[in-house]
Amino acid sequence: VDGIMHYCVANMPGAVARTSTIALGNATMPFM
């Protein structure tokens, strides 16, 4: 936009899915 580069991926952690899934699962499991 007007010569400025925008990086706006809405699910950035999905790029490192294994790390992200395990980290998220550790946090959500007690509540689940």
PDB file of all heavy atoms in Angstrom:
ATOM      1  N   VAL A   1       0.868  -1.178   0.000  1.00  0.00           N
ATOM      2  CA  VAL A   1       0.000   0.000   0.000  1.00  0.00           C
ATOM      3  C   VAL A   1       0.906   1.229   0.000  1.00  0.00           C
ATOM      4  O   VAL A   1       1.669   1.438   0.948  1.00  0.00           O
ATOM      5  CB  VAL A   1      -0.936   0.049   1.226  1.00  0.00           C
ATOM      6  CG1 VAL A   1      -1.806   1.306   1.177  1.00  0.00           C
ATOM      7  CG2 VAL A   1      -1.821  -1.189   1.290  1.00  0.00           C
ATOM      8  N   ASP A   2       0.853   2.003  -1.063  1.00  0.00           N
ATOM      9  CA  ASP A   2       1.637   3.237  -1.175  1.00  0.00           C
ATOM     10  C   ASP A   2       3.127   3.004  -0.934  1.00  0.00           C
ATOM     11  O   ASP A   2       3.820   3.819  -0.303  1.00  0.00           O
ATOM     12  CB  ASP A   2       1.120   4.302  -0.193  1.00  0.00           C
ATOM     13  CG  ASP A   2      -0.338   4.683  -0.460  1.00  0.00           C
ATOM     14  OD1 ASP A   2      -0.811   4.425  -1.580  1.00  0.00           O
ATOM     15  OD2 ASP A   2      -0.974   5.232   0.455  1.00  0.00           O
ATOM     16  N   GLY A   3       3.615   1.853  -1.422  1.00  0.00           N
ATOM     17  CA  GLY A   3       5.043   1.568  -1.300  1.00  0.00           C
ATOM     18  C   GLY A   3       5.466   0.991   0.039  1.00  0.00           C
ATOM     19  O   GLY A   3       6.663   0.768   0.266  1.00  0.00           O
ATOM     20  N   ILE A   4       4.511   0.750   0.923  1.00  0.00           N
ATOM     21  CA  ILE A   4       4.797   0.158   2.236  1.00  0.00           C
ATOM     22  C   ILE A   4       4.317  -1.286   2.224  1.00  0.00           C
ATOM     23  O   ILE A   4       3.154  -1.564   1.889  1.00  0.00           O
ATOM     24  CB  ILE A   4       4.109   0.945   3.371  1.00  0.00           C
ATOM     25  CG1 ILE A   4       4.490   2.425   3.317  1.00  0.00           C
ATOM     26  CG2 ILE A   4       4.450   0.333   4.721  1.00  0.00           C
ATOM     27  CD1 ILE A   4       5.977   2.713   3.438  1.00  0.00           C
ATOM     28  N   MET A   5       5.189  -2.216   2.611  1.00  0.00           N
ATOM     29  CA  MET A   5       4.854  -3.637   2.567  1.00  0.00           C
ATOM     30  C   MET A   5       4.171  -4.066   3.862  1.00  0.00           C
ATOM     31  O   MET A   5       4.659  -3.776   4.954  1.00  0.00           O
ATOM     32  CB  MET A   5       6.118  -4.476   2.336  1.00  0.00           C
ATOM     33  CG  MET A   5       6.925  -4.057   1.106  1.00  0.00           C
ATOM     34  SD  MET A   5       5.922  -3.923  -0.410  1.00  0.00           S
ATOM     35  CE  MET A   5       5.346  -5.622  -0.583  1.00  0.00           C
ATOM     36  N   HIS A   6       3.036  -4.723   3.716  1.00  0.00           N
ATOM     37  CA  HIS A   6       2.237  -5.179   4.861  1.00  0.00           C
ATOM     38  C   HIS A   6       2.274  -6.702   4.942  1.00  0.00           C
ATOM     39  O   HIS A   6       1.976  -7.392   3.952  1.00  0.00           O
ATOM     40  CB  HIS A   6       0.776  -4.751   4.694  1.00  0.00           C
ATOM     41  CG  HIS A   6       0.538  -3.267   4.760  1.00  0.00           C
ATOM     42  ND1 HIS A   6       1.129  -2.378   3.882  1.00  0.00           N
ATOM     43  CD2 HIS A   6      -0.250  -2.524   5.593  1.00  0.00           C
ATOM     44  CE1 HIS A   6       0.716  -1.150   4.168  1.00  0.00           C
ATOM     45  NE2 HIS A   6      -0.103  -1.210   5.198  1.00  0.00           N
ATOM     46  N   TYR A   7       2.598  -7.215   6.124  1.00  0.00           N
ATOM     47  CA  TYR A   7       2.488  -8.650   6.416  1.00  0.00           C
ATOM     48  C   TYR A   7       1.400  -8.794   7.477  1.00  0.00           C
ATOM     49  O   TYR A   7       1.567  -8.341   8.615  1.00  0.00           O
ATOM     50  CB  TYR A   7       3.811  -9.215   6.935  1.00  0.00           C
ATOM     51  CG  TYR A   7       3.784 -10.710   7.214  1.00  0.00           C
ATOM     52  CD1 TYR A   7       4.308 -11.615   6.295  1.00  0.00           C
ATOM     53  CD2 TYR A   7       3.218 -11.209   8.384  1.00  0.00           C
ATOM     54  CE1 TYR A   7       4.277 -12.980   6.546  1.00  0.00           C
ATOM     55  CE2 TYR A   7       3.185 -12.572   8.633  1.00  0.00           C
ATOM     56  CZ  TYR A   7       3.716 -13.452   7.718  1.00  0.00           C
ATOM     57  OH  TYR A   7       3.666 -14.806   7.965  1.00  0.00           O
ATOM     58  N   CYS A   8       0.268  -9.389   7.096  1.00  0.00           N
ATOM     59  CA  CYS A   8      -0.909  -9.416   7.976  1.00  0.00           C
ATOM     60  C   CYS A   8      -1.544 -10.807   8.013  1.00  0.00           C
ATOM     61  O   CYS A   8      -2.765 -10.946   7.884  1.00  0.00           O
ATOM     62  CB  CYS A   8      -1.949  -8.384   7.528  1.00  0.00           C
ATOM     63  SG  CYS A   8      -1.345  -6.689   7.446  1.00  0.00           S
ATOM     64  N   VAL A   9      -0.744 -11.839   8.171  1.00  0.00           N
ATOM     65  CA  VAL A   9      -1.283 -13.209   8.218  1.00  0.00           C
ATOM     66  C   VAL A   9      -2.037 -13.411   9.525  1.00  0.00           C
ATOM     67  O   VAL A   9      -1.500 -13.157  10.615  1.00  0.00           O
ATOM     68  CB  VAL A   9      -0.155 -14.239   8.067  1.00  0.00           C
ATOM     69  CG1 VAL A   9      -0.684 -15.654   8.280  1.00  0.00           C
ATOM     70  CG2 VAL A   9       0.490 -14.116   6.691  1.00  0.00           C
ATOM     71  N   ALA A  10      -3.285 -13.863   9.401  1.00  0.00           N
ATOM     72  CA  ALA A  10      -4.167 -13.924  10.574  1.00  0.00           C
ATOM     73  C   ALA A  10      -3.902 -15.132  11.468  1.00  0.00           C
ATOM     74  O   ALA A  10      -4.427 -15.189  12.577  1.00  0.00           O
ATOM     75  CB  ALA A  10      -5.623 -13.923  10.115  1.00  0.00           C
ATOM     76  N   ASN A  11      -3.136 -16.088  11.000  1.00  0.00           N
ATOM     77  CA  ASN A  11      -2.824 -17.243  11.851  1.00  0.00           C
ATOM     78  C   ASN A  11      -1.328 -17.528  11.772  1.00  0.00           C
ATOM     79  O   ASN A  11      -0.900 -18.607  11.397  1.00  0.00           O
ATOM     80  CB  ASN A  11      -3.648 -18.481  11.454  1.00  0.00           C
ATOM     81  CG  ASN A  11      -3.398 -18.924  10.014  1.00  0.00           C
ATOM     82  OD1 ASN A  11      -3.084 -18.109   9.151  1.00  0.00           O
ATOM     83  ND2 ASN A  11      -3.534 -20.207   9.758  1.00  0.00           N
ATOM     84  N   MET A  12      -0.552 -16.536  12.157  1.00  0.00           N
ATOM     85  CA  MET A  12       0.910 -16.669  12.065  1.00  0.00           C
ATOM     86  C   MET A  12       1.446 -17.947  12.718  1.00  0.00           C
ATOM     87  O   MET A  12       2.287 -18.627  12.134  1.00  0.00           O
ATOM     88  CB  MET A  12       1.584 -15.442  12.676  1.00  0.00           C
ATOM     89  CG  MET A  12       1.513 -14.207  11.812  1.00  0.00           C
ATOM     90  SD  MET A  12       2.198 -12.740  12.631  1.00  0.00           S
ATOM     91  CE  MET A  12       3.909 -13.223  12.859  1.00  0.00           C
ATOM     92  N   PRO A  13       0.975 -18.328  13.929  1.00  0.00           N
ATOM     93  CA  PRO A  13       1.536 -19.535  14.545  1.00  0.00           C
ATOM     94  C   PRO A  13       1.292 -20.810  13.746  1.00  0.00           C
ATOM     95  O   PRO A  13       1.972 -21.817  13.975  1.00  0.00           O
ATOM     96  CB  PRO A  13       0.821 -19.592  15.906  1.00  0.00           C
ATOM     97  CG  PRO A  13       0.462 -18.171  16.187  1.00  0.00           C
ATOM     98  CD  PRO A  13       0.072 -17.613  14.851  1.00  0.00           C
ATOM     99  N   GLY A  14       0.336 -20.775  12.805  1.00  0.00           N
ATOM    100  CA  GLY A  14       0.090 -21.943  11.971  1.00  0.00           C
ATOM    101  C   GLY A  14       1.290 -22.315  11.112  1.00  0.00           C
ATOM    102  O   GLY A  14       1.391 -23.447  10.637  1.00  0.00           O
ATOM    103  N   ALA A  15       2.210 -21.378  10.910  1.00  0.00           N
ATOM    104  CA  ALA A  15       3.402 -21.661  10.103  1.00  0.00           C
ATOM    105  C   ALA A  15       4.337 -22.634  10.806  1.00  0.00           C
ATOM    106  O   ALA A  15       5.104 -23.345  10.161  1.00  0.00           O
ATOM    107  CB  ALA A  15       4.138 -20.357   9.787  1.00  0.00           C
ATOM    108  N   VAL A  16       4.292 -22.632  12.129  1.00  0.00           N
ATOM    109  CA  VAL A  16       5.108 -23.565  12.915  1.00  0.00           C
ATOM    110  C   VAL A  16       4.126 -24.426  13.719  1.00  0.00           C
ATOM    111  O   VAL A  16       4.073 -24.374  14.944  1.00  0.00           O
ATOM    112  CB  VAL A  16       6.124 -22.820  13.812  1.00  0.00           C
ATOM    113  CG1 VAL A  16       7.269 -22.280  12.968  1.00  0.00           C
ATOM    114  CG2 VAL A  16       5.475 -21.671  14.566  1.00  0.00           C
ATOM    115  N   ALA A  17       3.380 -25.212  12.967  1.00  0.00           N
ATOM    116  CA  ALA A  17       2.188 -25.859  13.518  1.00  0.00           C
ATOM    117  C   ALA A  17       2.484 -26.826  14.654  1.00  0.00           C
ATOM    118  O   ALA A  17       1.719 -26.899  15.617  1.00  0.00           O
ATOM    119  CB  ALA A  17       1.436 -26.590  12.390  1.00  0.00           C
ATOM    120  N   ARG A  18       3.568 -27.554  14.568  1.00  0.00           N
ATOM    121  CA  ARG A  18       3.830 -28.545  15.617  1.00  0.00           C
ATOM    122  C   ARG A  18       4.161 -27.857  16.937  1.00  0.00           C
ATOM    123  O   ARG A  18       3.577 -28.172  17.981  1.00  0.00           O
ATOM    124  CB  ARG A  18       4.954 -29.495  15.208  1.00  0.00           C
ATOM    125  CG  ARG A  18       5.116 -30.640  16.210  1.00  0.00           C
ATOM    126  CD  ARG A  18       6.066 -31.721  15.729  1.00  0.00           C
ATOM    127  NE  ARG A  18       6.176 -32.775  16.720  1.00  0.00           N
ATOM    128  CZ  ARG A  18       5.376 -33.827  16.833  1.00  0.00           C
ATOM    129  NH1 ARG A  18       4.355 -33.948  16.006  1.00  0.00           N
ATOM    130  NH2 ARG A  18       5.552 -34.744  17.755  1.00  0.00           N
ATOM    131  N   THR A  19       5.079 -26.905  16.896  1.00  0.00           N
ATOM    132  CA  THR A  19       5.413 -26.144  18.105  1.00  0.00           C
ATOM    133  C   THR A  19       4.160 -25.487  18.677  1.00  0.00           C
ATOM    134  O   THR A  19       3.900 -25.545  19.885  1.00  0.00           O
ATOM    135  CB  THR A  19       6.468 -25.074  17.788  1.00  0.00           C
ATOM    136  OG1 THR A  19       7.676 -25.718  17.379  1.00  0.00           O
ATOM    137  CG2 THR A  19       6.759 -24.211  19.012  1.00  0.00           C
ATOM    138  N   SER A  20       3.379 -24.850  17.796  1.00  0.00           N
ATOM    139  CA  SER A  20       2.202 -24.103  18.237  1.00  0.00           C
ATOM    140  C   SER A  20       1.138 -25.019  18.831  1.00  0.00           C
ATOM    141  O   SER A  20       0.526 -24.696  19.860  1.00  0.00           O
ATOM    142  CB  SER A  20       1.603 -23.323  17.061  1.00  0.00           C
ATOM    143  OG  SER A  20       2.508 -22.361  16.583  1.00  0.00           O
ATOM    144  N   THR A  21       0.902 -26.152  18.184  1.00  0.00           N
ATOM    145  CA  THR A  21      -0.127 -27.082  18.662  1.00  0.00           C
ATOM    146  C   THR A  21       0.213 -27.620  20.041  1.00  0.00           C
ATOM    147  O   THR A  21      -0.644 -27.685  20.932  1.00  0.00           O
ATOM    148  CB  THR A  21      -0.312 -28.234  17.658  1.00  0.00           C
ATOM    149  OG1 THR A  21      -0.936 -27.733  16.470  1.00  0.00           O
ATOM    150  CG2 THR A  21      -1.172 -29.342  18.237  1.00  0.00           C
ATOM    151  N   ILE A  22       1.463 -28.014  20.233  1.00  0.00           N
ATOM    152  CA  ILE A  22       1.857 -28.564  21.535  1.00  0.00           C
ATOM    153  C   ILE A  22       1.779 -27.485  22.609  1.00  0.00           C
ATOM    154  O   ILE A  22       1.278 -27.721  23.718  1.00  0.00           O
ATOM    155  CB  ILE A  22       3.261 -29.179  21.458  1.00  0.00           C
ATOM    156  CG1 ILE A  22       3.259 -30.396  20.510  1.00  0.00           C
ATOM    157  CG2 ILE A  22       3.752 -29.606  22.843  1.00  0.00           C
ATOM    158  CD1 ILE A  22       4.640 -30.928  20.166  1.00  0.00           C
ATOM    159  N   ALA A  23       2.252 -26.271  22.280  1.00  0.00           N
ATOM    160  CA  ALA A  23       2.207 -25.173  23.250  1.00  0.00           C
ATOM    161  C   ALA A  23       0.771 -24.817  23.617  1.00  0.00           C
ATOM    162  O   ALA A  23       0.442 -24.603  24.792  1.00  0.00           O
ATOM    163  CB  ALA A  23       2.925 -23.941  22.683  1.00  0.00           C
ATOM    164  N   LEU A  24      -0.105 -24.746  22.606  1.00  0.00           N
ATOM    165  CA  LEU A  24      -1.509 -24.421  22.871  1.00  0.00           C
ATOM    166  C   LEU A  24      -2.179 -25.533  23.666  1.00  0.00           C
ATOM    167  O   LEU A  24      -2.927 -25.274  24.616  1.00  0.00           O
ATOM    168  CB  LEU A  24      -2.247 -24.192  21.554  1.00  0.00           C
ATOM    169  CG  LEU A  24      -3.733 -23.837  21.670  1.00  0.00           C
ATOM    170  CD1 LEU A  24      -3.931 -22.536  22.445  1.00  0.00           C
ATOM    171  CD2 LEU A  24      -4.365 -23.715  20.277  1.00  0.00           C
ATOM    172  N   GLY A  25      -1.900 -26.780  23.300  1.00  0.00           N
ATOM    173  CA  GLY A  25      -2.500 -27.910  24.008  1.00  0.00           C
ATOM    174  C   GLY A  25      -2.112 -27.967  25.469  1.00  0.00           C
ATOM    175  O   GLY A  25      -2.932 -28.301  26.335  1.00  0.00           O
ATOM    176  N   ASN A  26      -0.857 -27.619  25.770  1.00  0.00           N
ATOM    177  CA  ASN A  26      -0.420 -27.581  27.168  1.00  0.00           C
ATOM    178  C   ASN A  26      -1.247 -26.592  27.976  1.00  0.00           C
ATOM    179  O   ASN A  26      -1.536 -26.813  29.162  1.00  0.00           O
ATOM    180  CB  ASN A  26       1.057 -27.188  27.258  1.00  0.00           C
ATOM    181  CG  ASN A  26       1.996 -28.257  26.727  1.00  0.00           C
ATOM    182  OD1 ASN A  26       1.625 -29.414  26.599  1.00  0.00           O
ATOM    183  ND2 ASN A  26       3.215 -27.855  26.402  1.00  0.00           N
ATOM    184  N   ALA A  27      -1.611 -25.474  27.340  1.00  0.00           N
ATOM    185  CA  ALA A  27      -2.352 -24.421  28.042  1.00  0.00           C
ATOM    186  C   ALA A  27      -3.844 -24.714  28.138  1.00  0.00           C
ATOM    187  O   ALA A  27      -4.481 -24.449  29.168  1.00  0.00           O
ATOM    188  CB  ALA A  27      -2.130 -23.080  27.344  1.00  0.00           C
ATOM    189  N   THR A  28      -4.421 -25.266  27.073  1.00  0.00           N
ATOM    190  CA  THR A  28      -5.882 -25.454  27.046  1.00  0.00           C
ATOM    191  C   THR A  28      -6.338 -26.715  27.780  1.00  0.00           C
ATOM    192  O   THR A  28      -7.480 -26.778  28.232  1.00  0.00           O
ATOM    193  CB  THR A  28      -6.406 -25.521  25.597  1.00  0.00           C
ATOM    194  OG1 THR A  28      -5.771 -26.613  24.904  1.00  0.00           O
ATOM    195  CG2 THR A  28      -6.145 -24.222  24.856  1.00  0.00           C
ATOM    196  N   MET A  29      -5.455 -27.709  27.902  1.00  0.00           N
ATOM    197  CA  MET A  29      -5.886 -29.001  28.430  1.00  0.00           C
ATOM    198  C   MET A  29      -6.567 -28.922  29.800  1.00  0.00           C
ATOM    199  O   MET A  29      -7.649 -29.505  29.982  1.00  0.00           O
ATOM    200  CB  MET A  29      -4.716 -29.982  28.479  1.00  0.00           C
ATOM    201  CG  MET A  29      -5.162 -31.422  28.803  1.00  0.00           C
ATOM    202  SD  MET A  29      -3.777 -32.529  29.191  1.00  0.00           S
ATOM    203  CE  MET A  29      -2.758 -32.397  27.734  1.00  0.00           C
ATOM    204  N   PRO A  30      -6.034 -28.209  30.784  1.00  0.00           N
ATOM    205  CA  PRO A  30      -6.710 -28.179  32.087  1.00  0.00           C
ATOM    206  C   PRO A  30      -8.122 -27.596  32.006  1.00  0.00           C
ATOM    207  O   PRO A  30      -9.038 -28.070  32.687  1.00  0.00           O
ATOM    208  CB  PRO A  30      -5.800 -27.294  32.939  1.00  0.00           C
ATOM    209  CG  PRO A  30      -4.481 -27.322  32.273  1.00  0.00           C
ATOM    210  CD  PRO A  30      -4.766 -27.450  30.810  1.00  0.00           C
ATOM    211  N   PHE A  31      -8.307 -26.568  31.171  1.00  0.00           N
ATOM    212  CA  PHE A  31      -9.631 -25.958  31.026  1.00  0.00           C
ATOM    213  C   PHE A  31     -10.581 -26.887  30.276  1.00  0.00           C
ATOM    214  O   PHE A  31     -11.752 -27.010  30.613  1.00  0.00           O
ATOM    215  CB  PHE A  31      -9.510 -24.623  30.294  1.00  0.00           C
ATOM    216  CG  PHE A  31      -8.749 -23.579  31.056  1.00  0.00           C
ATOM    217  CD1 PHE A  31      -7.396 -23.357  30.809  1.00  0.00           C
ATOM    218  CD2 PHE A  31      -9.365 -22.810  32.043  1.00  0.00           C
ATOM    219  CE1 PHE A  31      -6.687 -22.402  31.519  1.00  0.00           C
ATOM    220  CE2 PHE A  31      -8.667 -21.848  32.756  1.00  0.00           C
ATOM    221  CZ  PHE A  31      -7.323 -21.648  32.494  1.00  0.00           C
ATOM    222  N   MET A  32     -10.064 -27.549  29.250  1.00  0.00           N
ATOM    223  CA  MET A  32     -10.871 -28.504  28.492  1.00  0.00           C
ATOM    224  C   MET A  32     -11.354 -29.640  29.395  1.00  0.00           C
ATOM    225  O   MET A  32     -12.522 -30.048  29.346  1.00  0.00           O
ATOM    226  CB  MET A  32     -10.054 -29.048  27.319  1.00  0.00           C
ATOM    227  CG  MET A  32     -10.786 -30.036  26.413  1.00  0.00           C
ATOM    228  SD  MET A  32     -10.520 -31.770  26.892  1.00  0.00           S
ATOM    229  CE  MET A  32      -8.781 -31.989  26.526  1.00  0.00           C
TER     230      MET A  32
END
